[in-house]
Amino acid sequence: MVVVYTTQSCPYCRMTKRYLQEHRIPFREVDVGRDPQAAAMLVRKTGQMGVPVTEVNGRYIIGFDREKLNRALGVAS
């Protein structure tokens, strides 16, 4: 399961979602700007207040990091 934590104004969030769509990887989006409980959970689990944060099978990837996403998702570079 892939979950992307985002906000409406984040350009890197859009890049992350576009990357996942291009690779046909299904994901669920959680807008932490509209969901304060999800935002608080994310800070507790990752120590990060910024987005995007992508959760892949319980592992958190901070920011739009193509190499880490490729490895976590098994996508060829």
Protein backbone atom coordinates (compact mmCIF):
# COMPACT_ATOMS: atom_id res chain seq x y z
CA MET A 1 0.00 0.00 0.00
CA VAL A 2 1.27 3.46 -0.93
CA VAL A 3 0.08 6.58 0.86
CA VAL A 4 1.16 10.09 -0.10
CA TYR A 5 0.83 12.81 2.53
CA THR A 6 0.37 16.16 0.80
CA THR A 7 -0.91 19.71 0.95
CA GLN A 8 -2.75 21.62 -1.78
CA SER A 9 0.03 24.15 -2.39
CA CYS A 10 3.01 21.76 -2.51
CA PRO A 11 4.69 21.46 -5.94
CA TYR A 12 6.77 18.45 -4.84
CA CYS A 13 3.57 16.70 -3.79
CA ARG A 14 2.27 17.10 -7.34
CA MET A 15 5.57 15.73 -8.68
CA THR A 16 5.29 12.69 -6.40
CA LYS A 17 1.70 11.98 -7.45
CA ARG A 18 2.61 12.41 -11.13
CA TYR A 19 5.54 9.99 -10.69
CA LEU A 20 3.24 7.37 -9.15
CA GLN A 21 0.62 7.85 -11.87
CA GLU A 22 3.23 7.57 -14.64
CA HIS A 23 4.37 4.25 -13.17
CA ARG A 24 0.76 3.09 -12.69
CA ILE A 25 1.24 2.68 -8.95
CA PRO A 26 -2.03 2.99 -7.04
CA PHE A 27 -1.90 5.26 -4.02
CA ARG A 28 -4.07 6.94 -1.47
CA GLU A 29 -3.61 10.67 -0.88
CA VAL A 30 -3.95 12.23 2.58
CA ASP A 31 -4.06 16.04 2.62
CA VAL A 32 -2.48 16.93 5.96
CA GLY A 33 -3.46 20.56 5.41
CA ARG A 34 -7.08 19.50 5.79
CA ASP A 35 -6.58 16.65 8.26
CA PRO A 36 -4.86 17.82 11.46
CA GLN A 37 -4.96 14.33 13.01
CA ALA A 38 -3.08 12.90 10.02
CA ALA A 39 -0.58 15.78 10.26
CA ALA A 40 0.04 15.06 13.94
CA MET A 41 0.45 11.32 13.26
CA LEU A 42 2.95 12.07 10.49
CA VAL A 43 5.05 14.28 12.77
CA ARG A 44 5.00 11.59 15.49
CA LYS A 45 6.07 8.83 13.10
CA THR A 46 8.60 10.71 10.97
CA GLY A 47 9.64 13.78 12.94
CA GLN A 48 8.90 15.77 9.77
CA MET A 49 6.53 18.67 9.30
CA GLY A 50 7.12 19.02 5.56
CA VAL A 51 5.49 17.23 2.66
CA PRO A 52 5.41 15.19 0.57
CA VAL A 53 5.95 12.10 2.64
CA THR A 54 5.34 8.83 0.85
CA GLU A 55 4.65 5.70 2.86
CA VAL A 56 5.51 2.46 1.07
CA ASN A 57 4.71 -0.68 3.06
CA GLY A 58 5.35 1.09 6.37
CA ARG A 59 8.54 2.83 5.20
CA TYR A 60 8.54 6.62 4.94
CA ILE A 61 10.23 8.54 2.13
CA ILE A 62 10.66 12.22 2.84
CA GLY A 63 10.30 14.67 -0.05
CA PHE A 64 10.25 13.80 -3.73
CA ASP A 65 13.25 11.46 -3.93
CA ARG A 66 13.05 9.56 -7.21
CA GLU A 67 15.89 7.14 -6.34
CA LYS A 68 14.36 6.14 -2.99
CA LEU A 69 10.94 5.79 -4.58
CA ASN A 70 12.39 3.62 -7.36
CA ARG A 71 14.05 1.32 -4.81
CA ALA A 72 11.04 1.11 -2.48
CA LEU A 73 8.62 0.44 -5.35
CA GLY A 74 10.87 -1.81 -7.46
CA VAL A 75 10.80 0.61 -10.40
CA ALA A 76 13.68 0.47 -12.87
CA SER A 77 15.61 3.73 -13.14
